[in-house]
Amino acid sequence: MDARTRIEQALGAAIADAEGPLCPPRLATAIRYAVFPGGARIRPQLVLAVAHACGDDVPAATDAAAASIELLHCASLVHDDLPCFDDAAIRRGKPSVHRAFGERLAVLAGDALIVLAFETLARGVATVPGRLAQLLLIVGRSVGMTDGIIAGQAWECEPRIVLADYHRAKTAALFAAATAAGAAAAGVDAEPWRGFGERLGEAYQIADDIRDVAATTEDLGKPIGQDQAHDRPSAARELGVHGALVRLEALVNDAVTSIPPCPGADDLRKLIRAEVLRLLPEELSQRVA
């Protein structure tokens, strides 16, 4: 079974568990709408890729970790799009959750997805309980108020923002969780994998900053020009597109060289380089190939 199929099946099972007969019907519909159809599923694919590189001896645990990370990502998108933050009209090429279901249900759907992420993780790792505590800490840290995605959103509410701190929390936190969770799900020490994920997450955020000024709404499935519209920190605005591309290439090189020794390291390096290039508009990807 390929990685994308594993991810979609794990997410489908998690959502089905939440859609019990006692769940308010519109909330259940909003949750499913927020998760399907998905985007590139980069973060859960990273969980699976790292686990595969490390042996992936308990696929059910890996699938649960991947689904958990993606559910948290989907929750963050629902909250990011709310009128109190970006007030985004579209997401993944369709109306954002608050536009489709109203602001109140969007807040609740985002909150429910966060809770469901931890339920999914606990349920899927039940056969290897010795790995659960580490996975819960990894995933919890990625959402938290110190250096998780909540902190990333909160930095937008501060009068002054350091770009590196903002990127570290806003985006790199979930990437670090994805690499660490993939290792932990496979039963190896997760901590050496965190730095790899952090570098990769910062690279992804820089690529996203570049796309915000160089791509089209049709390409992204969401509005462009949002960093300037909301006066948010952006590598493309701070460094220029050329400078951001240089920084992106350096981060990708740092990321692939920081991959800890493992049986699948070479395949993982090739995958990462290919995925990062795919994120950029074609004319720009050729400049960092």
C-alpha atoms as a PDB file:
ATOM      1  CA  MET A   1       0.000   0.000   0.000  1.00  0.00           C
ATOM      2  CA  ASP A   2       1.418   3.397  -0.949  1.00  0.00           C
ATOM      3  CA  ALA A   3       1.880   6.207   1.570  1.00  0.00           C
ATOM      4  CA  ARG A   4      -1.001   8.355   0.328  1.00  0.00           C
ATOM      5  CA  THR A   5      -3.458   5.454   0.573  1.00  0.00           C
ATOM      6  CA  ARG A   6      -2.296   4.648   4.096  1.00  0.00           C
ATOM      7  CA  ILE A   7      -2.788   8.269   5.155  1.00  0.00           C
ATOM      8  CA  GLU A   8      -6.260   8.605   3.634  1.00  0.00           C
ATOM      9  CA  GLN A   9      -7.395   5.327   5.175  1.00  0.00           C
ATOM     10  CA  ALA A  10      -6.072   6.312   8.612  1.00  0.00           C
ATOM     11  CA  LEU A  11      -7.774   9.711   8.410  1.00  0.00           C
ATOM     12  CA  GLY A  12     -10.998   8.125   7.197  1.00  0.00           C
ATOM     13  CA  ALA A  13     -11.014   5.712  10.125  1.00  0.00           C
ATOM     14  CA  ALA A  14     -10.347   8.539  12.597  1.00  0.00           C
ATOM     15  CA  ILE A  15     -13.175  10.674  11.219  1.00  0.00           C
ATOM     16  CA  ALA A  16     -15.546   7.695  11.176  1.00  0.00           C
ATOM     17  CA  ASP A  17     -14.841   7.121  14.872  1.00  0.00           C
ATOM     18  CA  ALA A  18     -15.828  10.728  15.568  1.00  0.00           C
ATOM     19  CA  GLU A  19     -19.031  10.591  13.534  1.00  0.00           C
ATOM     20  CA  GLY A  20     -21.037   8.565  16.029  1.00  0.00           C
ATOM     21  CA  PRO A  21     -24.820   8.792  16.321  1.00  0.00           C
ATOM     22  CA  LEU A  22     -24.577  11.294  19.183  1.00  0.00           C
ATOM     23  CA  CYS A  23     -22.363  13.764  17.282  1.00  0.00           C
ATOM     24  CA  PRO A  24     -24.236  16.893  16.115  1.00  0.00           C
ATOM     25  CA  PRO A  25     -24.696  16.310  12.364  1.00  0.00           C
ATOM     26  CA  ARG A  26     -23.460  19.699  11.146  1.00  0.00           C
ATOM     27  CA  LEU A  27     -20.358  19.460  13.331  1.00  0.00           C
ATOM     28  CA  ALA A  28     -19.601  16.018  11.899  1.00  0.00           C
ATOM     29  CA  THR A  29     -20.038  17.372   8.382  1.00  0.00           C
ATOM     30  CA  ALA A  30     -17.793  20.366   9.102  1.00  0.00           C
ATOM     31  CA  ILE A  31     -15.045  18.124  10.478  1.00  0.00           C
ATOM     32  CA  ARG A  32     -15.102  15.882   7.413  1.00  0.00           C
ATOM     33  CA  TYR A  33     -15.174  18.974   5.167  1.00  0.00           C
ATOM     34  CA  ALA A  34     -12.052  20.332   6.910  1.00  0.00           C
ATOM     35  CA  VAL A  35     -10.085  17.126   6.331  1.00  0.00           C
ATOM     36  CA  PHE A  36     -11.251  15.908   2.908  1.00  0.00           C
ATOM     37  CA  PRO A  37     -10.190  16.304   0.197  1.00  0.00           C
ATOM     38  CA  GLY A  38      -6.726  16.993   1.525  1.00  0.00           C
ATOM     39  CA  GLY A  39      -3.825  19.002   0.292  1.00  0.00           C
ATOM     40  CA  ALA A  40      -0.391  17.532  -0.317  1.00  0.00           C
ATOM     41  CA  ARG A  41      -0.426  15.714   3.067  1.00  0.00           C
ATOM     42  CA  ILE A  42       3.247  16.622   3.409  1.00  0.00           C
ATOM     43  CA  ARG A  43       3.444  16.218   7.177  1.00  0.00           C
ATOM     44  CA  PRO A  44       1.893  12.745   7.452  1.00  0.00           C
ATOM     45  CA  GLN A  45       3.923  11.594   4.452  1.00  0.00           C
ATOM     46  CA  LEU A  46       6.997  12.715   6.350  1.00  0.00           C
ATOM     47  CA  VAL A  47       5.920  10.623   9.355  1.00  0.00           C
ATOM     48  CA  LEU A  48       5.623   7.571   7.128  1.00  0.00           C
ATOM     49  CA  ALA A  49       8.889   8.289   5.301  1.00  0.00           C
ATOM     50  CA  VAL A  50      10.906   8.568   8.523  1.00  0.00           C
ATOM     51  CA  ALA A  51       9.243   5.485  10.012  1.00  0.00           C
ATOM     52  CA  HIS A  52       9.999   3.557   6.807  1.00  0.00           C
ATOM     53  CA  ALA A  53      13.626   4.694   6.926  1.00  0.00           C
ATOM     54  CA  CYS A  54      13.804   3.422  10.520  1.00  0.00           C
ATOM     55  CA  GLY A  55      12.110   0.052   9.933  1.00  0.00           C
ATOM     56  CA  ASP A  56       8.359   0.754  10.451  1.00  0.00           C
ATOM     57  CA  ASP A  57       7.871  -2.396  12.522  1.00  0.00           C
ATOM     58  CA  VAL A  58       4.362  -1.446  13.758  1.00  0.00           C
ATOM     59  CA  PRO A  59       2.519   0.172  10.814  1.00  0.00           C
ATOM     60  CA  ALA A  60      -0.648   0.792  12.870  1.00  0.00           C
ATOM     61  CA  ALA A  61       1.313   3.024  15.243  1.00  0.00           C
ATOM     62  CA  THR A  62       2.895   4.879  12.339  1.00  0.00           C
ATOM     63  CA  ASP A  63      -0.481   5.399  10.666  1.00  0.00           C
ATOM     64  CA  ALA A  64      -1.947   6.747  13.914  1.00  0.00           C
ATOM     65  CA  ALA A  65       0.956   9.159  14.352  1.00  0.00           C
ATOM     66  CA  ALA A  66       0.609  10.346  10.746  1.00  0.00           C
ATOM     67  CA  ALA A  67      -3.144  10.857  11.070  1.00  0.00           C
ATOM     68  CA  SER A  68      -2.688  12.696  14.361  1.00  0.00           C
ATOM     69  CA  ILE A  69      -0.224  15.160  12.832  1.00  0.00           C
ATOM     70  CA  GLU A  70      -2.491  15.789   9.838  1.00  0.00           C
ATOM     71  CA  LEU A  71      -5.584  16.305  12.015  1.00  0.00           C
ATOM     72  CA  LEU A  72      -3.668  18.944  13.977  1.00  0.00           C
ATOM     73  CA  HIS A  73      -2.592  20.600  10.744  1.00  0.00           C
ATOM     74  CA  CYS A  74      -6.195  20.664   9.492  1.00  0.00           C
ATOM     75  CA  ALA A  75      -7.301  22.162  12.810  1.00  0.00           C
ATOM     76  CA  SER A  76      -4.716  24.917  12.465  1.00  0.00           C
ATOM     77  CA  LEU A  77      -5.962  25.750   8.965  1.00  0.00           C
ATOM     78  CA  VAL A  78      -9.549  26.032  10.176  1.00  0.00           C
ATOM     79  CA  HIS A  79      -8.471  28.425  12.926  1.00  0.00           C
ATOM     80  CA  ASP A  80      -6.044  30.366  10.700  1.00  0.00           C
ATOM     81  CA  ASP A  81      -8.843  31.112   8.240  1.00  0.00           C
ATOM     82  CA  LEU A  82     -11.215  32.570  10.863  1.00  0.00           C
ATOM     83  CA  PRO A  83     -12.225  36.252  10.589  1.00  0.00           C
ATOM     84  CA  CYS A  84     -10.211  37.097  13.719  1.00  0.00           C
ATOM     85  CA  PHE A  85      -7.024  35.940  11.951  1.00  0.00           C
ATOM     86  CA  ASP A  86      -6.769  35.751   8.136  1.00  0.00           C
ATOM     87  CA  ASP A  87     -10.483  35.903   7.269  1.00  0.00           C
ATOM     88  CA  ALA A  88      -9.670  33.656   4.298  1.00  0.00           C
ATOM     89  CA  ALA A  89     -12.516  32.948   1.902  1.00  0.00           C
ATOM     90  CA  ILE A  90     -11.051  29.806   0.344  1.00  0.00           C
ATOM     91  CA  ARG A  91      -8.893  26.903   1.411  1.00  0.00           C
ATOM     92  CA  ARG A  92      -7.787  23.979  -0.760  1.00  0.00           C
ATOM     93  CA  GLY A  93      -9.795  25.401  -3.635  1.00  0.00           C
ATOM     94  CA  LYS A  94     -13.165  25.539  -1.849  1.00  0.00           C
ATOM     95  CA  PRO A  95     -14.861  27.856   0.683  1.00  0.00           C
ATOM     96  CA  SER A  96     -13.075  27.876   4.030  1.00  0.00           C
ATOM     97  CA  VAL A  97     -14.873  26.150   6.899  1.00  0.00           C
ATOM     98  CA  HIS A  98     -16.210  29.335   8.470  1.00  0.00           C
ATOM     99  CA  ARG A  99     -17.573  30.473   5.096  1.00  0.00           C
ATOM    100  CA  ALA A 100     -19.264  27.119   4.531  1.00  0.00           C
ATOM    101  CA  PHE A 101     -20.578  26.448   8.054  1.00  0.00           C
ATOM    102  CA  GLY A 102     -20.372  29.695   9.992  1.00  0.00           C
ATOM    103  CA  GLU A 103     -17.839  30.986  12.466  1.00  0.00           C
ATOM    104  CA  ARG A 104     -19.171  29.188  15.535  1.00  0.00           C
ATOM    105  CA  LEU A 105     -19.027  25.739  13.953  1.00  0.00           C
ATOM    106  CA  ALA A 106     -15.603  26.490  12.495  1.00  0.00           C
ATOM    107  CA  VAL A 107     -14.199  27.205  15.970  1.00  0.00           C
ATOM    108  CA  LEU A 108     -15.759  24.017  17.316  1.00  0.00           C
ATOM    109  CA  ALA A 109     -14.596  21.937  14.351  1.00  0.00           C
ATOM    110  CA  GLY A 110     -11.020  23.114  14.822  1.00  0.00           C
ATOM    111  CA  ASP A 111     -11.159  22.342  18.538  1.00  0.00           C
ATOM    112  CA  ALA A 112     -12.702  18.914  17.868  1.00  0.00           C
ATOM    113  CA  LEU A 113      -9.939  18.047  15.400  1.00  0.00           C
ATOM    114  CA  ILE A 114      -7.296  18.795  18.041  1.00  0.00           C
ATOM    115  CA  VAL A 115      -8.994  16.448  20.524  1.00  0.00           C
ATOM    116  CA  LEU A 116      -9.498  13.809  17.836  1.00  0.00           C
ATOM    117  CA  ALA A 117      -5.789  13.895  17.010  1.00  0.00           C
ATOM    118  CA  PHE A 118      -4.905  12.724  20.513  1.00  0.00           C
ATOM    119  CA  GLU A 119      -7.709  10.146  20.599  1.00  0.00           C
ATOM    120  CA  THR A 120      -6.454   8.733  17.292  1.00  0.00           C
ATOM    121  CA  LEU A 121      -2.895   8.536  18.561  1.00  0.00           C
ATOM    122  CA  ALA A 122      -3.874   6.778  21.793  1.00  0.00           C
ATOM    123  CA  ARG A 123      -6.072   4.288  19.976  1.00  0.00           C
ATOM    124  CA  GLY A 124      -3.551   3.452  17.264  1.00  0.00           C
ATOM    125  CA  VAL A 125      -0.563   2.937  19.554  1.00  0.00           C
ATOM    126  CA  ALA A 126      -2.433   0.670  21.987  1.00  0.00           C
ATOM    127  CA  THR A 127      -0.548  -2.413  20.790  1.00  0.00           C
ATOM    128  CA  VAL A 128       2.820  -0.839  21.705  1.00  0.00           C
ATOM    129  CA  PRO A 129       1.974   1.135  24.859  1.00  0.00           C
ATOM    130  CA  GLY A 130       5.630   1.703  25.631  1.00  0.00           C
ATOM    131  CA  ARG A 131       5.816   4.127  22.698  1.00  0.00           C
ATOM    132  CA  LEU A 132       2.696   6.110  23.571  1.00  0.00           C
ATOM    133  CA  ALA A 133       4.122   8.449  26.222  1.00  0.00           C
ATOM    134  CA  GLN A 134       6.902   9.683  23.945  1.00  0.00           C
ATOM    135  CA  LEU A 135       4.479  10.159  21.047  1.00  0.00           C
ATOM    136  CA  LEU A 136       2.019  12.091  23.205  1.00  0.00           C
ATOM    137  CA  LEU A 137       4.781  14.440  24.351  1.00  0.00           C
ATOM    138  CA  ILE A 138       6.037  14.917  20.789  1.00  0.00           C
ATOM    139  CA  VAL A 139       2.591  15.731  19.421  1.00  0.00           C
ATOM    140  CA  GLY A 140       1.572  17.828  22.421  1.00  0.00           C
ATOM    141  CA  ARG A 141       4.714  19.942  22.193  1.00  0.00           C
ATOM    142  CA  SER A 142       3.985  20.641  18.530  1.00  0.00           C
ATOM    143  CA  VAL A 143       0.696  22.310  19.439  1.00  0.00           C
ATOM    144  CA  GLY A 144       1.683  24.053  22.657  1.00  0.00           C
ATOM    145  CA  MET A 145       2.097  27.631  23.750  1.00  0.00           C
ATOM    146  CA  THR A 146       5.889  27.590  24.063  1.00  0.00           C
ATOM    147  CA  ASP A 147       7.070  26.639  20.600  1.00  0.00           C
ATOM    148  CA  GLY A 148       4.080  24.909  18.981  1.00  0.00           C
ATOM    149  CA  ILE A 149       1.512  26.100  16.461  1.00  0.00           C
ATOM    150  CA  ILE A 150      -0.480  27.963  19.127  1.00  0.00           C
ATOM    151  CA  ALA A 151       2.648  29.991  19.844  1.00  0.00           C
ATOM    152  CA  GLY A 152       3.057  30.558  16.120  1.00  0.00           C
ATOM    153  CA  GLN A 153      -0.421  32.016  15.838  1.00  0.00           C
ATOM    154  CA  ALA A 154       0.115  34.056  18.999  1.00  0.00           C
ATOM    155  CA  TRP A 155       3.263  35.671  17.578  1.00  0.00           C
ATOM    156  CA  GLU A 156       0.981  37.371  15.038  1.00  0.00           C
ATOM    157  CA  CYS A 157      -0.635  39.148  17.999  1.00  0.00           C
ATOM    158  CA  GLU A 158       2.669  40.579  19.278  1.00  0.00           C
ATOM    159  CA  PRO A 159       3.877  44.083  18.367  1.00  0.00           C
ATOM    160  CA  ARG A 160       7.296  42.809  17.265  1.00  0.00           C
ATOM    161  CA  ILE A 161       8.157  39.449  15.718  1.00  0.00           C
ATOM    162  CA  VAL A 162      11.486  37.753  15.055  1.00  0.00           C
ATOM    163  CA  LEU A 163      11.113  35.931  11.745  1.00  0.00           C
ATOM    164  CA  ALA A 164      13.033  32.837  12.875  1.00  0.00           C
ATOM    165  CA  ASP A 165      10.942  32.504  16.071  1.00  0.00           C
ATOM    166  CA  TYR A 166       7.739  32.909  14.079  1.00  0.00           C
ATOM    167  CA  HIS A 167       8.697  30.279  11.487  1.00  0.00           C
ATOM    168  CA  ARG A 168       9.933  27.890  14.172  1.00  0.00           C
ATOM    169  CA  ALA A 169       6.570  27.856  15.908  1.00  0.00           C
ATOM    170  CA  LYS A 170       4.174  28.527  13.048  1.00  0.00           C
ATOM    171  CA  THR A 171       5.428  25.808  10.707  1.00  0.00           C
ATOM    172  CA  ALA A 172       8.596  24.037  11.875  1.00  0.00           C
ATOM    173  CA  ALA A 173       6.899  22.713  15.032  1.00  0.00           C
ATOM    174  CA  LEU A 174       4.645  20.306  13.137  1.00  0.00           C
ATOM    175  CA  PHE A 175       7.468  19.252  10.821  1.00  0.00           C
ATOM    176  CA  ALA A 176       9.694  18.516  13.818  1.00  0.00           C
ATOM    177  CA  ALA A 177       6.812  16.562  15.337  1.00  0.00           C
ATOM    178  CA  ALA A 178       6.361  14.632  12.089  1.00  0.00           C
ATOM    179  CA  THR A 179       9.989  13.502  11.897  1.00  0.00           C
ATOM    180  CA  ALA A 180      10.218  12.780  15.618  1.00  0.00           C
ATOM    181  CA  ALA A 181       6.873  10.947  15.632  1.00  0.00           C
ATOM    182  CA  GLY A 182       7.903   8.813  12.664  1.00  0.00           C
ATOM    183  CA  ALA A 183      11.000   7.715  14.535  1.00  0.00           C
ATOM    184  CA  ALA A 184       9.148   7.161  17.822  1.00  0.00           C
ATOM    185  CA  ALA A 185       6.422   5.149  16.087  1.00  0.00           C
ATOM    186  CA  ALA A 186       9.157   2.894  14.672  1.00  0.00           C
ATOM    187  CA  GLY A 187      10.623   2.426  18.137  1.00  0.00           C
ATOM    188  CA  VAL A 188      13.843   4.432  17.757  1.00  0.00           C
ATOM    189  CA  ASP A 189      15.098   7.482  19.646  1.00  0.00           C
ATOM    190  CA  ALA A 190      13.116  10.446  18.370  1.00  0.00           C
ATOM    191  CA  GLU A 191      15.270  13.324  19.571  1.00  0.00           C
ATOM    192  CA  PRO A 192      17.988  13.105  16.862  1.00  0.00           C
ATOM    193  CA  TRP A 193      15.249  13.483  14.254  1.00  0.00           C
ATOM    194  CA  ARG A 194      13.849  16.732  15.610  1.00  0.00           C
ATOM    195  CA  GLY A 195      16.528  18.985  14.101  1.00  0.00           C
ATOM    196  CA  PHE A 196      15.923  17.474  10.674  1.00  0.00           C
ATOM    197  CA  GLY A 197      12.232  18.300  10.937  1.00  0.00           C
ATOM    198  CA  GLU A 198      12.856  21.825  12.195  1.00  0.00           C
ATOM    199  CA  ARG A 199      15.116  22.653   9.251  1.00  0.00           C
ATOM    200  CA  LEU A 200      12.671  21.114   6.842  1.00  0.00           C
ATOM    201  CA  GLY A 201       9.769  23.017   8.384  1.00  0.00           C
ATOM    202  CA  GLU A 202      11.581  26.322   8.079  1.00  0.00           C
ATOM    203  CA  ALA A 203      12.389  25.486   4.453  1.00  0.00           C
ATOM    204  CA  TYR A 204       8.731  24.732   3.794  1.00  0.00           C
ATOM    205  CA  GLN A 205       7.659  28.037   5.348  1.00  0.00           C
ATOM    206  CA  ILE A 206      10.123  29.948   3.189  1.00  0.00           C
ATOM    207  CA  ALA A 207       8.796  28.114   0.126  1.00  0.00           C
ATOM    208  CA  ASP A 208       5.281  29.108   1.212  1.00  0.00           C
ATOM    209  CA  ASP A 209       6.380  32.739   1.623  1.00  0.00           C
ATOM    210  CA  ILE A 210       7.786  32.651  -1.913  1.00  0.00           C
ATOM    211  CA  ARG A 211       4.582  31.135  -3.289  1.00  0.00           C
ATOM    212  CA  ASP A 212       2.560  33.844  -1.564  1.00  0.00           C
ATOM    213  CA  VAL A 213       4.191  36.428  -3.834  1.00  0.00           C
ATOM    214  CA  ALA A 214       5.082  34.351  -6.923  1.00  0.00           C
ATOM    215  CA  ALA A 215       2.232  31.855  -7.416  1.00  0.00           C
ATOM    216  CA  THR A 216      -1.472  32.285  -8.234  1.00  0.00           C
ATOM    217  CA  THR A 217      -4.623  31.651  -6.240  1.00  0.00           C
ATOM    218  CA  GLU A 218      -5.468  28.834  -8.653  1.00  0.00           C
ATOM    219  CA  ASP A 219      -2.093  27.187  -8.057  1.00  0.00           C
ATOM    220  CA  LEU A 220      -2.360  27.353  -4.267  1.00  0.00           C
ATOM    221  CA  GLY A 221      -6.070  26.864  -3.706  1.00  0.00           C
ATOM    222  CA  LYS A 222      -5.990  29.781  -1.273  1.00  0.00           C
ATOM    223  CA  PRO A 223      -5.584  33.574  -1.539  1.00  0.00           C
ATOM    224  CA  ILE A 224      -2.145  34.974  -2.368  1.00  0.00           C
ATOM    225  CA  GLY A 225      -0.618  38.163  -0.983  1.00  0.00           C
ATOM    226  CA  GLN A 226      -1.761  37.312   2.525  1.00  0.00           C
ATOM    227  CA  ASP A 227       1.552  38.108   4.230  1.00  0.00           C
ATOM    228  CA  GLN A 228       1.516  41.676   2.968  1.00  0.00           C
ATOM    229  CA  ALA A 229      -2.227  42.079   3.531  1.00  0.00           C
ATOM    230  CA  HIS A 230      -1.887  41.085   7.190  1.00  0.00           C
ATOM    231  CA  ASP A 231       1.594  42.585   7.678  1.00  0.00           C
ATOM    232  CA  ARG A 232       3.027  39.222   8.679  1.00  0.00           C
ATOM    233  CA  PRO A 233       6.710  38.273   8.741  1.00  0.00           C
ATOM    234  CA  SER A 234       7.806  36.775   5.433  1.00  0.00           C
ATOM    235  CA  ALA A 235      11.156  35.610   4.108  1.00  0.00           C
ATOM    236  CA  ALA A 236      10.196  36.810   0.633  1.00  0.00           C
ATOM    237  CA  ARG A 237       9.395  40.293   1.951  1.00  0.00           C
ATOM    238  CA  GLU A 238      12.434  40.468   4.235  1.00  0.00           C
ATOM    239  CA  LEU A 239      15.034  38.902   1.928  1.00  0.00           C
ATOM    240  CA  GLY A 240      13.473  39.346  -1.521  1.00  0.00           C
ATOM    241  CA  VAL A 241      12.583  36.365  -3.700  1.00  0.00           C
ATOM    242  CA  HIS A 242      16.219  35.715  -4.675  1.00  0.00           C
ATOM    243  CA  GLY A 243      17.418  35.924  -1.073  1.00  0.00           C
ATOM    244  CA  ALA A 244      14.584  33.659   0.054  1.00  0.00           C
ATOM    245  CA  LEU A 245      15.542  31.085  -2.598  1.00  0.00           C
ATOM    246  CA  VAL A 246      19.155  31.148  -1.401  1.00  0.00           C
ATOM    247  CA  ARG A 247      18.003  30.632   2.185  1.00  0.00           C
ATOM    248  CA  LEU A 248      15.667  27.835   1.074  1.00  0.00           C
ATOM    249  CA  GLU A 249      18.455  25.968  -0.695  1.00  0.00           C
ATOM    250  CA  ALA A 250      20.723  26.273   2.340  1.00  0.00           C
ATOM    251  CA  LEU A 251      18.029  24.922   4.650  1.00  0.00           C
ATOM    252  CA  VAL A 252      17.272  21.968   2.386  1.00  0.00           C
ATOM    253  CA  ASN A 253      20.964  21.103   2.252  1.00  0.00           C
ATOM    254  CA  ASP A 254      21.216  21.381   6.040  1.00  0.00           C
ATOM    255  CA  ALA A 255      18.105  19.233   6.448  1.00  0.00           C
ATOM    256  CA  VAL A 256      19.231  16.361   4.264  1.00  0.00           C
ATOM    257  CA  THR A 257      22.710  16.299   5.788  1.00  0.00           C
ATOM    258  CA  SER A 258      21.208  16.208   9.295  1.00  0.00           C
ATOM    259  CA  ILE A 259      19.265  12.981   8.689  1.00  0.00           C
ATOM    260  CA  PRO A 260      20.437  10.567  11.403  1.00  0.00           C
ATOM    261  CA  PRO A 261      22.012   7.264  10.338  1.00  0.00           C
ATOM    262  CA  CYS A 262      19.300   4.779   9.383  1.00  0.00           C
ATOM    263  CA  PRO A 263      18.729   2.041   6.779  1.00  0.00           C
ATOM    264  CA  GLY A 264      16.660   4.283   4.484  1.00  0.00           C
ATOM    265  CA  ALA A 265      18.663   7.509   4.692  1.00  0.00           C
ATOM    266  CA  ASP A 266      19.546   7.738   0.986  1.00  0.00           C
ATOM    267  CA  ASP A 267      15.956   7.275  -0.187  1.00  0.00           C
ATOM    268  CA  LEU A 268      14.784   9.822   2.360  1.00  0.00           C
ATOM    269  CA  ARG A 269      17.266  12.432   1.095  1.00  0.00           C
ATOM    270  CA  LYS A 270      16.043  11.982  -2.487  1.00  0.00           C
ATOM    271  CA  LEU A 271      12.410  12.254  -1.399  1.00  0.00           C
ATOM    272  CA  ILE A 272      12.979  15.461   0.545  1.00  0.00           C
ATOM    273  CA  ARG A 273      14.760  17.241  -2.313  1.00  0.00           C
ATOM    274  CA  ALA A 274      12.024  16.243  -4.768  1.00  0.00           C
ATOM    275  CA  GLU A 275       9.201  17.362  -2.450  1.00  0.00           C
ATOM    276  CA  VAL A 276      10.713  20.772  -1.733  1.00  0.00           C
ATOM    277  CA  LEU A 277      11.189  21.493  -5.437  1.00  0.00           C
ATOM    278  CA  ARG A 278       7.576  20.498  -6.071  1.00  0.00           C
ATOM    279  CA  LEU A 279       6.403  23.230  -3.687  1.00  0.00           C
ATOM    280  CA  LEU A 280       7.811  26.052  -5.811  1.00  0.00           C
ATOM    281  CA  PRO A 281       6.438  27.530  -9.029  1.00  0.00           C
ATOM    282  CA  GLU A 282       8.160  25.724 -11.931  1.00  0.00           C
ATOM    283  CA  GLU A 283      10.260  28.666 -13.066  1.00  0.00           C
ATOM    284  CA  LEU A 284      11.643  29.113  -9.547  1.00  0.00           C
ATOM    285  CA  SER A 285      12.186  25.416  -8.814  1.00  0.00           C
ATOM    286  CA  GLN A 286      14.669  25.280 -11.680  1.00  0.00           C
ATOM    287  CA  ARG A 287      16.808  27.863  -9.876  1.00  0.00           C
ATOM    288  CA  VAL A 288      17.311  25.636  -6.830  1.00  0.00           C
ATOM    289  CA  ALA A 289      17.336  22.237  -8.543  1.00  0.00           C
END
